[in-house]
Protein backbone atom coordinates (compact mmCIF):
# COMPACT_ATOMS: atom_id res chain seq x y z
CA VAL A 1 -0.16 0.43 0.10
CA GLN A 2 1.57 3.05 -0.64
CA LEU A 3 -0.38 7.05 -0.51
CA GLN A 4 0.43 9.64 -2.47
CA ALA A 5 0.01 12.87 -2.11
CA SER A 6 -0.10 15.81 -3.80
CA GLY A 7 -1.25 19.45 -4.80
CA GLY A 8 1.63 21.10 -3.10
CA GLY A 9 3.71 24.23 -4.41
CA LEU A 10 4.80 27.77 -3.59
CA VAL A 11 1.96 30.80 -2.81
CA GLN A 12 1.55 34.12 -1.76
CA ALA A 13 0.43 34.69 1.84
CA GLY A 14 -3.46 34.59 1.48
CA ASP A 15 -3.82 32.53 -1.14
CA SER A 16 -5.10 28.83 -1.65
CA LEU A 17 -4.23 25.64 -2.09
CA ARG A 18 -6.02 21.74 -2.59
CA LEU A 19 -4.00 18.66 -1.11
CA SER A 20 -5.43 15.68 -2.01
CA CYS A 21 -4.24 11.63 -0.64
CA GLY A 22 -4.93 8.85 -2.59
CA ALA A 23 -3.70 4.83 -1.98
CA SER A 24 -2.42 2.69 -4.22
CA GLY A 25 -2.22 -0.70 -4.71
CA GLY A 26 -5.04 -2.40 -4.18
CA THR A 27 -8.31 -1.49 -2.25
CA PHE A 28 -8.43 0.11 1.52
CA ARG A 29 -11.32 0.49 3.65
CA TRP A 30 -9.85 3.33 5.86
CA SER A 31 -11.04 4.39 9.27
CA VAL A 32 -9.70 7.13 9.32
CA MET A 33 -7.21 9.49 7.45
CA GLY A 34 -4.83 12.61 8.75
CA TRP A 35 -2.84 15.47 7.20
CA PHE A 36 0.34 16.07 8.85
CA ARG A 37 3.29 19.02 8.26
CA GLN A 38 6.76 19.06 9.44
CA ALA A 39 8.56 22.20 9.11
CA PRO A 40 11.82 22.82 9.01
CA GLY A 41 13.36 21.86 12.08
CA LYS A 42 10.75 21.58 13.80
CA GLU A 43 8.70 18.33 14.80
CA ARG A 44 6.12 16.27 12.82
CA GLU A 45 2.55 18.18 13.62
CA PHE A 46 -0.83 17.46 13.67
CA VAL A 47 -3.03 19.10 10.66
CA ALA A 48 -6.55 17.37 10.70
CA ALA A 49 -7.75 14.09 10.57
CA ILE A 50 -11.12 12.62 8.52
CA THR A 51 -12.43 9.24 10.12
CA TRP A 52 -14.02 7.48 6.92
CA SER A 53 -17.44 5.96 8.02
CA SER A 54 -19.13 8.59 9.85
CA GLY A 55 -16.70 12.03 8.61
CA ARG A 56 -15.87 13.05 12.34
CA ILE A 57 -13.10 15.81 11.95
CA LEU A 58 -10.88 17.18 13.96
CA TYR A 59 -8.57 20.03 13.54
CA ALA A 60 -5.44 21.91 15.00
CA ASP A 61 -6.01 25.21 16.22
CA SER A 62 -3.82 26.47 14.28
CA VAL A 63 -5.40 25.90 10.75
CA LYS A 64 -9.03 26.04 12.20
CA GLY A 65 -11.15 28.09 10.21
CA ARG A 66 -8.58 28.08 7.38
CA PHE A 67 -8.51 24.34 5.82
CA THR A 68 -11.37 22.05 5.45
CA ILE A 69 -10.12 18.22 5.30
CA SER A 70 -13.31 16.41 3.24
CA ARG A 71 -13.20 12.71 1.86
CA ASP A 72 -14.51 10.62 -1.07
CA ASN A 73 -15.33 7.05 0.03
CA ALA A 74 -15.86 6.09 -3.78
CA LYS A 75 -12.75 7.24 -4.91
CA ASN A 76 -10.81 6.39 -1.63
CA THR A 77 -9.07 9.90 -1.52
CA ALA A 78 -8.72 13.01 0.95
CA SER A 79 -8.67 16.40 0.56
CA LEU A 80 -6.60 19.09 2.24
CA GLN A 81 -8.58 22.77 0.77
CA MET A 82 -5.85 25.56 2.58
CA ASN A 83 -7.35 29.05 2.47
CA ARG A 84 -5.90 31.70 3.14
CA LEU A 85 -2.26 30.35 4.26
CA LYS A 86 0.22 32.38 6.03
CA PRO A 87 3.83 31.68 6.02
CA GLU A 88 3.77 29.55 9.30
CA ASP A 89 2.24 27.49 7.34
CA THR A 90 4.74 26.38 5.26
CA ALA A 91 5.88 22.96 5.48
CA VAL A 92 6.30 19.45 4.09
CA TYR A 93 2.53 18.22 4.54
CA TYR A 94 1.79 14.32 5.18
CA CYS A 95 -1.64 12.41 4.57
CA ALA A 96 -1.57 9.43 6.57
CA ALA A 97 -4.31 6.35 7.07
CA ASP A 98 -5.12 3.79 8.76
CA GLN A 99 -7.65 0.84 9.14
CA SER A 100 -8.34 0.14 12.82
CA ILE A 101 -8.08 3.66 14.67
CA GLY A 102 -10.51 6.47 15.57
CA LEU A 103 -10.32 9.73 15.36
CA THR A 104 -6.67 10.86 16.62
CA THR A 105 -4.14 13.24 16.49
CA TYR A 106 -1.12 11.10 17.53
CA SER A 107 1.24 10.45 14.61
CA GLY A 108 2.47 7.08 15.55
CA VAL A 109 -0.18 4.76 15.43
CA TYR A 110 -1.24 5.82 11.85
CA THR A 111 0.20 2.45 9.16
CA TYR A 112 0.57 4.66 5.97
CA TRP A 113 2.04 7.37 5.19
CA GLY A 114 2.43 9.05 1.86
CA GLN A 115 5.57 11.14 0.66
CA GLY A 116 5.03 14.77 1.53
CA THR A 117 3.89 17.47 -1.05
CA GLN A 118 5.79 20.86 -0.16
CA VAL A 119 3.76 23.70 0.55
CA THR A 120 5.66 26.81 0.52
CA VAL A 121 3.89 30.37 1.56
CA SER A 122 5.53 33.76 0.80
CA SER A 123 5.02 36.44 2.73
């Protein structure tokens, strides 16, 4: 199983980006999919997560009101719509998924990870 994140890029503060995450190598039934990010010199941090069956959502306080996570059950993909981007949102963004855990901010319990996509926000 491989997760693939895409949609990153270089934008200016206030702009928007949409990240997508899909899986290859088979058909999977996820219990949860999340987005994490890691800025240079910092630890990986939680951004948002969504449960696959009920659509329950959790956001980090730093992105609440600006980012929206969603999932497409038919396509087995998840997206992260990022609006009003700030320079402090600059990071490599990773999608992660699992087939058995619930909604959580803890990266250590996600089994599957994408390769990361770079988001750079200039001021």
